Amino acid sequence: MIEGLFRKSGSRVRQNELVEHLALGNLEIDLTKSSYSVHDVCCVLKRFISELPQPLLTNTLRDLFFESLQIKSSIHQIDVIRILILLLPETNQTFIKDLFRMFDEIVKYSSKNLMTSGNLSTIFSPMFFFTSDTSAEKLKDSLYNITQCLKLMIDNSDKIFLAPDCILKGARTFMDKWNASNKLMSTTSLIP
């Protein structure tokens, strides 16, 4: 496992070349046989996320993610985050889910790569909550909240993409009542 993931910069020339390949639709790049280093790829990923026109967790939902930190019960915090993720555009949900899978793998090897969930949240939280044109003052004022919120999400990545129990229970109750009168389908065919 390589140290300095997302911290070391790599080669700007190789990164620009990689961005050009990707921009041309060349998504079949074999990174094991290419001249791109892990650091080049990590920097391109960070660059892509930071250049999005809207942050991954969206301007609309950002403050609600921050508010989840005020909830005393960690179970309820996760439920709120689950609901907020369900409110994100589908492309954001899918991309974030893939990122969190990668973060989970990185954190598993944190003793070797020195990338804990805290380190990842420090690096990525500005990109998840703000765009690159956000003022330094606004970013500084929000730094604690964005870092804590993203760390909470990374630490609970195995849970945050599941529907909250309260929604599943409500759906099961509804389907049981509906099925009792219509006898057309079972709740297990629709709800995991």
N, C-alpha and C. Protein backbone atom coordinates (compact mmCIF):
# COMPACT_ATOMS: atom_id res chain seq x y z
N MET A 1 0.85 -1.18 0.00
CA MET A 1 0.00 0.00 0.00
C MET A 1 0.90 1.23 0.00
N ILE A 2 0.50 2.22 -0.74
CA ILE A 2 1.31 3.42 -0.95
C ILE A 2 0.93 4.52 0.04
N GLU A 3 1.94 5.13 0.64
CA GLU A 3 1.71 6.27 1.53
C GLU A 3 1.45 7.53 0.71
N GLY A 4 0.77 8.47 1.33
CA GLY A 4 0.58 9.78 0.71
C GLY A 4 -0.54 9.85 -0.32
N LEU A 5 -1.43 8.84 -0.31
CA LEU A 5 -2.57 8.91 -1.23
C LEU A 5 -3.31 10.23 -1.01
N PHE A 6 -3.62 10.90 -2.08
CA PHE A 6 -4.34 12.18 -2.07
C PHE A 6 -3.56 13.32 -1.42
N ARG A 7 -2.33 13.05 -0.96
CA ARG A 7 -1.53 14.12 -0.37
C ARG A 7 -0.35 14.50 -1.25
N LYS A 8 0.28 13.52 -1.87
CA LYS A 8 1.41 13.82 -2.76
C LYS A 8 0.86 14.19 -4.12
N SER A 9 1.56 15.09 -4.79
CA SER A 9 0.99 15.67 -6.00
C SER A 9 1.27 14.91 -7.29
N GLY A 10 2.33 14.16 -7.42
CA GLY A 10 2.61 13.48 -8.67
C GLY A 10 3.06 14.46 -9.75
N SER A 11 2.94 14.05 -11.00
CA SER A 11 3.40 14.86 -12.12
C SER A 11 2.22 15.59 -12.77
N ARG A 12 2.33 16.90 -12.84
CA ARG A 12 1.26 17.72 -13.45
C ARG A 12 1.12 17.39 -14.94
N VAL A 13 2.24 17.11 -15.60
CA VAL A 13 2.21 16.78 -17.03
C VAL A 13 1.43 15.49 -17.26
N ARG A 14 1.74 14.46 -16.47
CA ARG A 14 1.02 13.18 -16.61
C ARG A 14 -0.45 13.33 -16.25
N GLN A 15 -0.74 14.14 -15.25
CA GLN A 15 -2.13 14.36 -14.85
C GLN A 15 -2.91 15.04 -15.98
N ASN A 16 -2.33 16.04 -16.59
CA ASN A 16 -3.00 16.72 -17.70
C ASN A 16 -3.22 15.76 -18.87
N GLU A 17 -2.24 14.90 -19.11
CA GLU A 17 -2.38 13.89 -20.17
C GLU A 17 -3.53 12.92 -19.84
N LEU A 18 -3.61 12.51 -18.60
CA LEU A 18 -4.69 11.61 -18.16
C LEU A 18 -6.05 12.29 -18.30
N VAL A 19 -6.12 13.55 -17.92
CA VAL A 19 -7.37 14.31 -18.06
C VAL A 19 -7.78 14.38 -19.53
N GLU A 20 -6.81 14.60 -20.43
CA GLU A 20 -7.11 14.65 -21.86
C GLU A 20 -7.67 13.32 -22.35
N HIS A 21 -7.05 12.21 -21.93
CA HIS A 21 -7.55 10.88 -22.32
C HIS A 21 -8.99 10.71 -21.85
N LEU A 22 -9.24 11.05 -20.61
CA LEU A 22 -10.59 10.90 -20.06
C LEU A 22 -11.58 11.81 -20.76
N ALA A 23 -11.18 13.03 -21.06
CA ALA A 23 -12.06 13.99 -21.74
C ALA A 23 -12.43 13.51 -23.14
N LEU A 24 -11.55 12.76 -23.75
CA LEU A 24 -11.82 12.21 -25.09
C LEU A 24 -12.67 10.93 -25.03
N GLY A 25 -13.03 10.52 -23.81
CA GLY A 25 -13.86 9.34 -23.65
C GLY A 25 -13.08 8.05 -23.52
N ASN A 26 -11.77 8.14 -23.41
CA ASN A 26 -10.92 6.96 -23.26
C ASN A 26 -10.95 6.51 -21.80
N LEU A 27 -11.96 5.72 -21.46
CA LEU A 27 -12.14 5.27 -20.09
C LEU A 27 -11.54 3.89 -19.84
N GLU A 28 -10.91 3.32 -20.84
CA GLU A 28 -10.33 1.97 -20.74
C GLU A 28 -8.82 2.04 -20.56
N ILE A 29 -8.35 2.88 -19.68
CA ILE A 29 -6.91 3.04 -19.46
C ILE A 29 -6.46 2.00 -18.44
N ASP A 30 -5.49 1.20 -18.80
CA ASP A 30 -4.95 0.20 -17.88
C ASP A 30 -3.89 0.89 -17.02
N LEU A 31 -4.28 1.24 -15.82
CA LEU A 31 -3.39 2.00 -14.94
C LEU A 31 -2.22 1.16 -14.44
N THR A 32 -2.34 -0.16 -14.50
CA THR A 32 -1.23 -1.01 -14.07
C THR A 32 -0.10 -1.03 -15.10
N LYS A 33 -0.43 -0.74 -16.36
CA LYS A 33 0.57 -0.78 -17.42
C LYS A 33 0.91 0.61 -17.94
N SER A 34 0.34 1.63 -17.36
CA SER A 34 0.56 2.98 -17.88
C SER A 34 1.68 3.68 -17.12
N SER A 35 1.99 4.85 -17.56
CA SER A 35 3.04 5.64 -16.91
C SER A 35 2.48 6.53 -15.81
N TYR A 36 1.19 6.42 -15.55
CA TYR A 36 0.57 7.25 -14.51
C TYR A 36 0.80 6.62 -13.14
N SER A 37 1.20 7.44 -12.21
CA SER A 37 1.40 6.94 -10.84
C SER A 37 0.07 6.99 -10.09
N VAL A 38 0.03 6.32 -8.96
CA VAL A 38 -1.15 6.36 -8.10
C VAL A 38 -1.44 7.81 -7.71
N HIS A 39 -0.40 8.56 -7.46
CA HIS A 39 -0.57 9.96 -7.05
C HIS A 39 -1.16 10.80 -8.18
N ASP A 40 -0.77 10.49 -9.43
CA ASP A 40 -1.36 11.19 -10.58
C ASP A 40 -2.86 10.95 -10.63
N VAL A 41 -3.25 9.69 -10.48
CA VAL A 41 -4.66 9.32 -10.55
C VAL A 41 -5.44 9.96 -9.40
N CYS A 42 -4.87 9.93 -8.20
CA CYS A 42 -5.52 10.54 -7.04
C CYS A 42 -5.72 12.05 -7.25
N CYS A 43 -4.72 12.70 -7.79
CA CYS A 43 -4.83 14.15 -8.04
C CYS A 43 -5.89 14.47 -9.10
N VAL A 44 -5.98 13.62 -10.12
CA VAL A 44 -6.99 13.83 -11.16
C VAL A 44 -8.39 13.65 -10.56
N LEU A 45 -8.55 12.67 -9.71
CA LEU A 45 -9.84 12.47 -9.06
C LEU A 45 -10.20 13.69 -8.20
N LYS A 46 -9.27 14.16 -7.40
CA LYS A 46 -9.54 15.35 -6.57
C LYS A 46 -9.87 16.56 -7.44
N ARG A 47 -9.13 16.70 -8.52
CA ARG A 47 -9.36 17.82 -9.44
C ARG A 47 -10.76 17.75 -10.05
N PHE A 48 -11.16 16.55 -10.47
CA PHE A 48 -12.49 16.37 -11.05
C PHE A 48 -13.56 16.79 -10.05
N ILE A 49 -13.45 16.30 -8.82
CA ILE A 49 -14.46 16.59 -7.81
C ILE A 49 -14.49 18.09 -7.48
N SER A 50 -13.32 18.69 -7.39
CA SER A 50 -13.27 20.11 -7.02
C SER A 50 -13.77 21.03 -8.13
N GLU A 51 -13.76 20.55 -9.38
CA GLU A 51 -14.20 21.38 -10.50
C GLU A 51 -15.67 21.17 -10.87
N LEU A 52 -16.37 20.35 -10.10
CA LEU A 52 -17.80 20.17 -10.37
C LEU A 52 -18.53 21.49 -10.18
N PRO A 53 -19.57 21.76 -10.98
CA PRO A 53 -20.27 23.04 -10.86
C PRO A 53 -21.03 23.20 -9.54
N GLN A 54 -21.36 22.07 -8.91
CA GLN A 54 -22.03 22.09 -7.61
C GLN A 54 -21.37 21.01 -6.76
N PRO A 55 -21.24 21.24 -5.46
CA PRO A 55 -20.61 20.22 -4.62
C PRO A 55 -21.41 18.92 -4.62
N LEU A 56 -20.74 17.82 -4.32
CA LEU A 56 -21.38 16.50 -4.35
C LEU A 56 -22.60 16.41 -3.44
N LEU A 57 -22.55 17.06 -2.28
CA LEU A 57 -23.68 17.00 -1.36
C LEU A 57 -24.65 18.15 -1.57
N THR A 58 -24.47 18.90 -2.60
CA THR A 58 -25.31 20.00 -3.11
C THR A 58 -25.44 21.18 -2.14
N ASN A 59 -25.55 22.35 -2.72
CA ASN A 59 -25.76 23.58 -1.95
C ASN A 59 -27.07 23.52 -1.18
N THR A 60 -28.07 22.90 -1.78
CA THR A 60 -29.41 22.84 -1.18
C THR A 60 -29.42 22.04 0.12
N LEU A 61 -28.68 20.94 0.15
CA LEU A 61 -28.73 20.04 1.31
C LEU A 61 -27.57 20.25 2.30
N ARG A 62 -26.59 21.04 1.93
CA ARG A 62 -25.38 21.22 2.76
C ARG A 62 -25.70 21.52 4.22
N ASP A 63 -26.53 22.51 4.47
CA ASP A 63 -26.82 22.90 5.86
C ASP A 63 -27.55 21.80 6.62
N LEU A 64 -28.35 21.01 5.92
CA LEU A 64 -29.04 19.90 6.58
C LEU A 64 -28.05 18.82 7.00
N PHE A 65 -27.02 18.59 6.19
CA PHE A 65 -25.97 17.65 6.60
C PHE A 65 -25.29 18.17 7.87
N PHE A 66 -25.02 19.49 7.92
CA PHE A 66 -24.40 20.08 9.11
C PHE A 66 -25.32 19.91 10.32
N GLU A 67 -26.62 20.13 10.13
CA GLU A 67 -27.57 20.01 11.23
C GLU A 67 -27.59 18.59 11.81
N SER A 68 -27.30 17.60 10.98
CA SER A 68 -27.30 16.22 11.48
C SER A 68 -26.28 16.04 12.60
N LEU A 69 -25.25 16.86 12.63
CA LEU A 69 -24.24 16.77 13.68
C LEU A 69 -24.78 17.18 15.04
N GLN A 70 -25.88 17.95 15.06
CA GLN A 70 -26.47 18.42 16.32
C GLN A 70 -27.31 17.35 17.01
N ILE A 71 -27.63 16.29 16.30
CA ILE A 71 -28.48 15.23 16.86
C ILE A 71 -27.64 14.41 17.84
N LYS A 72 -28.17 14.20 19.01
CA LYS A 72 -27.42 13.52 20.07
C LYS A 72 -27.23 12.02 19.79
N SER A 73 -28.24 11.37 19.29
CA SER A 73 -28.18 9.92 19.05
C SER A 73 -27.45 9.64 17.73
N SER A 74 -26.41 8.80 17.81
CA SER A 74 -25.68 8.47 16.58
C SER A 74 -26.56 7.69 15.60
N ILE A 75 -27.49 6.90 16.11
CA ILE A 75 -28.42 6.16 15.25
C ILE A 75 -29.29 7.13 14.46
N HIS A 76 -29.80 8.15 15.13
CA HIS A 76 -30.63 9.14 14.45
C HIS A 76 -29.81 10.01 13.49
N GLN A 77 -28.55 10.29 13.85
CA GLN A 77 -27.67 11.02 12.93
C GLN A 77 -27.54 10.27 11.61
N ILE A 78 -27.28 8.97 11.72
CA ILE A 78 -27.12 8.15 10.51
C ILE A 78 -28.43 8.10 9.73
N ASP A 79 -29.57 8.00 10.42
CA ASP A 79 -30.86 7.99 9.73
C ASP A 79 -31.08 9.28 8.94
N VAL A 80 -30.74 10.41 9.54
CA VAL A 80 -30.89 11.70 8.85
C VAL A 80 -29.99 11.74 7.63
N ILE A 81 -28.75 11.31 7.78
CA ILE A 81 -27.82 11.29 6.65
C ILE A 81 -28.33 10.35 5.56
N ARG A 82 -28.90 9.21 5.95
CA ARG A 82 -29.48 8.28 4.96
C ARG A 82 -30.58 8.96 4.15
N ILE A 83 -31.44 9.67 4.83
CA ILE A 83 -32.54 10.36 4.15
C ILE A 83 -32.00 11.45 3.23
N LEU A 84 -31.02 12.20 3.71
CA LEU A 84 -30.43 13.26 2.89
C LEU A 84 -29.77 12.69 1.64
N ILE A 85 -29.12 11.56 1.77
CA ILE A 85 -28.50 10.92 0.60
C ILE A 85 -29.57 10.50 -0.40
N LEU A 86 -30.72 10.04 0.11
CA LEU A 86 -31.82 9.67 -0.79
C LEU A 86 -32.36 10.89 -1.55
N LEU A 87 -32.17 12.08 -1.00
CA LEU A 87 -32.65 13.30 -1.64
C LEU A 87 -31.68 13.85 -2.68
N LEU A 88 -30.46 13.33 -2.70
CA LEU A 88 -29.46 13.78 -3.68
C LEU A 88 -29.84 13.30 -5.07
N PRO A 89 -29.38 14.00 -6.11
CA PRO A 89 -29.58 13.48 -7.47
C PRO A 89 -28.96 12.09 -7.59
N GLU A 90 -29.56 11.26 -8.41
CA GLU A 90 -29.11 9.87 -8.54
C GLU A 90 -27.64 9.76 -8.93
N THR A 91 -27.18 10.61 -9.83
CA THR A 91 -25.77 10.55 -10.23
C THR A 91 -24.85 10.86 -9.05
N ASN A 92 -25.24 11.80 -8.22
CA ASN A 92 -24.44 12.11 -7.02
C ASN A 92 -24.42 10.90 -6.09
N GLN A 93 -25.58 10.30 -5.87
CA GLN A 93 -25.65 9.13 -4.99
C GLN A 93 -24.72 8.02 -5.47
N THR A 94 -24.78 7.73 -6.75
CA THR A 94 -23.97 6.65 -7.32
C THR A 94 -22.48 6.95 -7.20
N PHE A 95 -22.10 8.17 -7.54
CA PHE A 95 -20.69 8.55 -7.49
C PHE A 95 -20.18 8.54 -6.05
N ILE A 96 -20.97 9.08 -5.14
CA ILE A 96 -20.57 9.11 -3.73
C ILE A 96 -20.45 7.69 -3.18
N LYS A 97 -21.36 6.83 -3.55
CA LYS A 97 -21.31 5.44 -3.08
C LYS A 97 -20.01 4.78 -3.54
N ASP A 98 -19.63 5.01 -4.79
CA ASP A 98 -18.38 4.45 -5.30
C ASP A 98 -17.17 5.05 -4.57
N LEU A 99 -17.21 6.35 -4.34
CA LEU A 99 -16.12 6.99 -3.59
C LEU A 99 -15.99 6.40 -2.18
N PHE A 100 -17.12 6.20 -1.54
CA PHE A 100 -17.08 5.67 -0.18
C PHE A 100 -16.60 4.23 -0.14
N ARG A 101 -16.88 3.46 -1.17
CA ARG A 101 -16.31 2.11 -1.26
C ARG A 101 -14.79 2.20 -1.31
N MET A 102 -14.30 3.13 -2.12
CA MET A 102 -12.86 3.33 -2.23
C MET A 102 -12.30 3.82 -0.89
N PHE A 103 -12.97 4.80 -0.25
CA PHE A 103 -12.51 5.29 1.05
C PHE A 103 -12.44 4.15 2.06
N ASP A 104 -13.43 3.28 2.04
CA ASP A 104 -13.47 2.16 2.97
C ASP A 104 -12.24 1.27 2.79
N GLU A 105 -11.90 0.98 1.54
CA GLU A 105 -10.71 0.17 1.26
C GLU A 105 -9.44 0.88 1.72
N ILE A 106 -9.36 2.16 1.50
CA ILE A 106 -8.19 2.92 1.92
C ILE A 106 -8.05 2.91 3.44
N VAL A 107 -9.15 3.11 4.14
CA VAL A 107 -9.12 3.15 5.60
C VAL A 107 -8.74 1.78 6.17
N LYS A 108 -9.13 0.69 5.51
CA LYS A 108 -8.76 -0.66 5.98
C LYS A 108 -7.25 -0.81 6.07
N TYR A 109 -6.52 -0.11 5.22
CA TYR A 109 -5.06 -0.21 5.18
C TYR A 109 -4.39 1.05 5.73
N SER A 110 -5.09 1.77 6.59
CA SER A 110 -4.56 3.03 7.09
C SER A 110 -3.26 2.88 7.88
N SER A 111 -3.02 1.72 8.46
CA SER A 111 -1.76 1.52 9.19
C SER A 111 -0.57 1.54 8.24
N LYS A 112 -0.81 1.23 6.96
CA LYS A 112 0.27 1.24 5.97
C LYS A 112 0.28 2.51 5.12
N ASN A 113 -0.91 2.98 4.73
CA ASN A 113 -0.96 4.15 3.85
C ASN A 113 -1.13 5.46 4.60
N LEU A 114 -1.35 5.37 5.90
CA LEU A 114 -1.50 6.53 6.79
C LEU A 114 -2.69 7.42 6.43
N MET A 115 -3.70 6.82 5.83
CA MET A 115 -4.90 7.57 5.46
C MET A 115 -6.09 7.06 6.28
N THR A 116 -6.35 7.73 7.39
CA THR A 116 -7.50 7.39 8.23
C THR A 116 -8.74 8.09 7.70
N SER A 117 -9.88 7.78 8.29
CA SER A 117 -11.11 8.47 7.90
C SER A 117 -10.99 9.97 8.20
N GLY A 118 -10.30 10.31 9.27
CA GLY A 118 -10.07 11.72 9.59
C GLY A 118 -9.23 12.42 8.54
N ASN A 119 -8.19 11.75 8.07
CA ASN A 119 -7.34 12.34 7.02
C ASN A 119 -8.12 12.50 5.71
N LEU A 120 -8.88 11.47 5.35
CA LEU A 120 -9.68 11.56 4.12
C LEU A 120 -10.72 12.66 4.22
N SER A 121 -11.36 12.78 5.38
CA SER A 121 -12.38 13.82 5.51
C SER A 121 -11.75 15.22 5.48
N THR A 122 -10.55 15.37 6.01
CA THR A 122 -9.87 16.66 5.94
C THR A 122 -9.57 17.04 4.49
N ILE A 123 -9.14 16.07 3.71
CA ILE A 123 -8.79 16.33 2.30
C ILE A 123 -10.04 16.56 1.45
N PHE A 124 -11.06 15.72 1.62
CA PHE A 124 -12.21 15.74 0.71
C PHE A 124 -13.39 16.60 1.15
N SER A 125 -13.50 16.94 2.42
CA SER A 125 -14.70 17.64 2.88
C SER A 125 -14.95 18.97 2.15
N PRO A 126 -13.93 19.78 1.89
CA PRO A 126 -14.24 21.01 1.13
C PRO A 126 -14.89 20.73 -0.22
N MET A 127 -14.45 19.66 -0.88
CA MET A 127 -14.97 19.32 -2.21
C MET A 127 -16.37 18.72 -2.15
N PHE A 128 -16.71 18.06 -1.06
CA PHE A 128 -18.03 17.48 -0.90
C PHE A 128 -19.09 18.53 -0.58
N PHE A 129 -18.66 19.63 0.07
CA PHE A 129 -19.63 20.60 0.56
C PHE A 129 -19.60 21.95 -0.15
N PHE A 130 -18.50 22.27 -0.81
CA PHE A 130 -18.37 23.58 -1.45
C PHE A 130 -17.73 23.45 -2.82
N THR A 131 -17.89 24.48 -3.64
CA THR A 131 -17.22 24.53 -4.94
C THR A 131 -15.89 25.25 -4.77
N SER A 132 -15.06 25.19 -5.79
CA SER A 132 -13.72 25.78 -5.71
C SER A 132 -13.75 27.30 -5.59
N ASP A 133 -14.87 27.94 -5.93
CA ASP A 133 -14.93 29.40 -5.83
C ASP A 133 -15.44 29.90 -4.47
N THR A 134 -15.58 29.00 -3.50
CA THR A 134 -16.01 29.38 -2.17
C THR A 134 -14.91 30.19 -1.50
N SER A 135 -15.28 31.24 -0.81
CA SER A 135 -14.29 32.10 -0.16
C SER A 135 -13.56 31.34 0.94
N ALA A 136 -12.32 31.72 1.15
CA ALA A 136 -11.51 31.09 2.19
C ALA A 136 -12.13 31.31 3.57
N GLU A 137 -12.75 32.46 3.76
CA GLU A 137 -13.37 32.76 5.06
C GLU A 137 -14.56 31.83 5.33
N LYS A 138 -15.40 31.62 4.32
CA LYS A 138 -16.56 30.74 4.49
C LYS A 138 -16.10 29.31 4.74
N LEU A 139 -15.07 28.91 4.02
CA LEU A 139 -14.53 27.57 4.19
C LEU A 139 -13.95 27.40 5.59
N LYS A 140 -13.24 28.39 6.05
CA LYS A 140 -12.63 28.34 7.39
C LYS A 140 -13.72 28.26 8.47
N ASP A 141 -14.79 29.04 8.30
CA ASP A 141 -15.89 29.02 9.27
C ASP A 141 -16.60 27.68 9.34
N SER A 142 -16.61 26.95 8.24
CA SER A 142 -17.33 25.68 8.15
C SER A 142 -16.43 24.46 8.30
N LEU A 143 -15.13 24.66 8.39
CA LEU A 143 -14.18 23.56 8.33
C LEU A 143 -14.46 22.46 9.35
N TYR A 144 -14.73 22.82 10.59
CA TYR A 144 -14.98 21.80 11.60
C TYR A 144 -16.21 20.97 11.23
N ASN A 145 -17.31 21.64 10.88
CA ASN A 145 -18.55 20.93 10.54
C ASN A 145 -18.39 20.01 9.34
N ILE A 146 -17.76 20.52 8.28
CA ILE A 146 -17.66 19.70 7.07
C ILE A 146 -16.75 18.50 7.30
N THR A 147 -15.70 18.70 8.07
CA THR A 147 -14.78 17.59 8.34
C THR A 147 -15.44 16.54 9.22
N GLN A 148 -16.13 16.98 10.27
CA GLN A 148 -16.80 16.04 11.17
C GLN A 148 -17.92 15.28 10.45
N CYS A 149 -18.67 15.98 9.62
CA CYS A 149 -19.78 15.34 8.91
C CYS A 149 -19.26 14.29 7.93
N LEU A 150 -18.24 14.63 7.16
CA LEU A 150 -17.72 13.66 6.21
C LEU A 150 -17.06 12.48 6.93
N LYS A 151 -16.38 12.73 8.02
CA LYS A 151 -15.78 11.65 8.81
C LYS A 151 -16.87 10.69 9.31
N LEU A 152 -17.95 11.25 9.81
CA LEU A 152 -19.08 10.43 10.27
C LEU A 152 -19.60 9.57 9.12
N MET A 153 -19.69 10.14 7.94
CA MET A 153 -20.18 9.39 6.78
C MET A 153 -19.20 8.29 6.37
N ILE A 154 -17.91 8.61 6.37
CA ILE A 154 -16.91 7.60 5.99
C ILE A 154 -16.91 6.46 7.01
N ASP A 155 -16.95 6.82 8.29
CA ASP A 155 -16.94 5.79 9.35
C ASP A 155 -18.18 4.91 9.31
N ASN A 156 -19.26 5.40 8.72
CA ASN A 156 -20.52 4.63 8.66
C ASN A 156 -20.94 4.34 7.23
N SER A 157 -19.96 4.24 6.34
CA SER A 157 -20.27 4.07 4.92
C SER A 157 -21.01 2.76 4.65
N ASP A 158 -20.88 1.79 5.53
CA ASP A 158 -21.61 0.53 5.34
C ASP A 158 -23.09 0.68 5.64
N LYS A 159 -23.48 1.80 6.28
CA LYS A 159 -24.88 2.00 6.68
C LYS A 159 -25.59 3.11 5.91
N ILE A 160 -24.86 4.12 5.49
CA ILE A 160 -25.53 5.34 5.01
C ILE A 160 -26.22 5.20 3.65
N PHE A 161 -25.96 4.13 2.94
CA PHE A 161 -26.62 3.96 1.65
C PHE A 161 -27.82 3.01 1.72
N LEU A 162 -28.18 2.63 2.93
CA LEU A 162 -29.36 1.81 3.15
C LEU A 162 -30.52 2.71 3.54
N ALA A 163 -31.71 2.33 3.19
CA ALA A 163 -32.87 3.12 3.61
C ALA A 163 -33.01 3.03 5.13
N PRO A 164 -33.39 4.13 5.77
CA PRO A 164 -33.58 4.11 7.23
C PRO A 164 -34.64 3.10 7.64
N ASP A 165 -34.45 2.50 8.80
CA ASP A 165 -35.39 1.49 9.31
C ASP A 165 -36.81 2.04 9.40
N CYS A 166 -36.94 3.31 9.80
CA CYS A 166 -38.29 3.87 9.95
C CYS A 166 -39.02 3.90 8.60
N ILE A 167 -38.31 4.14 7.51
CA ILE A 167 -38.93 4.14 6.18
C ILE A 167 -39.28 2.70 5.78
N LEU A 168 -38.37 1.77 6.04
CA LEU A 168 -38.65 0.37 5.70
C LEU A 168 -39.85 -0.17 6.48
N LYS A 169 -39.92 0.16 7.78
CA LYS A 169 -41.06 -0.30 8.59
C LYS A 169 -42.36 0.29 8.08
N GLY A 170 -42.34 1.58 7.76
CA GLY A 170 -43.53 2.23 7.22
C GLY A 170 -43.94 1.62 5.89
N ALA A 171 -42.97 1.32 5.04
CA ALA A 171 -43.27 0.71 3.74
C ALA A 171 -43.84 -0.70 3.92
N ARG A 172 -43.25 -1.45 4.86
CA ARG A 172 -43.77 -2.81 5.11
C ARG A 172 -45.20 -2.77 5.63
N THR A 173 -45.47 -1.86 6.55
CA THR A 173 -46.82 -1.72 7.09
C THR A 173 -47.80 -1.36 5.99
N PHE A 174 -47.43 -0.40 5.16
CA PHE A 174 -48.28 0.00 4.04
C PHE A 174 -48.53 -1.17 3.11
N MET A 175 -47.46 -1.89 2.75
CA MET A 175 -47.61 -3.00 1.80
C MET A 175 -48.43 -4.14 2.41
N ASP A 176 -48.27 -4.38 3.71
CA ASP A 176 -49.07 -5.43 4.35
C ASP A 176 -50.55 -5.07 4.30
N LYS A 177 -50.88 -3.81 4.60
CA LYS A 177 -52.28 -3.38 4.55
C LYS A 177 -52.80 -3.44 3.13
N TRP A 178 -52.01 -2.97 2.20
CA TRP A 178 -52.42 -2.95 0.80
C TRP A 178 -52.59 -4.37 0.29
N ASN A 179 -51.65 -5.23 0.62
CA ASN A 179 -51.69 -6.61 0.16
C ASN A 179 -52.89 -7.37 0.76
N ALA A 180 -53.24 -7.05 2.00
CA ALA A 180 -54.38 -7.71 2.63
C ALA A 180 -55.66 -7.44 1.85
N SER A 181 -55.76 -6.28 1.25
CA SER A 181 -56.97 -5.95 0.52
C SER A 181 -56.86 -6.31 -0.97
N ASN A 182 -55.66 -6.38 -1.53
CA ASN A 182 -55.51 -6.62 -2.96
C ASN A 182 -54.91 -7.97 -3.33
N LYS A 183 -54.20 -8.60 -2.44
CA LYS A 183 -53.61 -9.94 -2.65
C LYS A 183 -52.82 -10.06 -3.95
N LEU A 184 -52.08 -9.01 -4.29
CA LEU A 184 -51.35 -9.05 -5.56
C LEU A 184 -49.86 -9.29 -5.42
N MET A 185 -49.25 -8.89 -4.33
CA MET A 185 -47.81 -9.08 -4.21
C MET A 185 -47.42 -9.19 -2.75
N SER A 186 -46.23 -9.71 -2.55
CA SER A 186 -45.73 -9.83 -1.18
C SER A 186 -44.79 -8.67 -0.89
N THR A 187 -44.70 -8.30 0.37
CA THR A 187 -43.80 -7.21 0.76
C THR A 187 -42.35 -7.61 0.53
N THR A 188 -42.04 -8.89 0.61
CA THR A 188 -40.65 -9.30 0.43
C THR A 188 -40.20 -9.15 -1.02
N SER A 189 -41.11 -9.11 -1.96
CA SER A 189 -40.71 -8.93 -3.35
C SER A 189 -40.31 -7.49 -3.65
N LEU A 190 -40.71 -6.56 -2.81
CA LEU A 190 -40.40 -5.15 -3.06
C LEU A 190 -39.38 -4.57 -2.08
N ILE A 191 -39.36 -5.09 -0.87
CA ILE A 191 -38.54 -4.48 0.17
C ILE A 191 -37.50 -5.48 0.63
N PRO A 192 -36.21 -5.06 0.63
CA PRO A 192 -35.14 -5.98 1.04
C PRO A 192 -35.26 -6.36 2.50
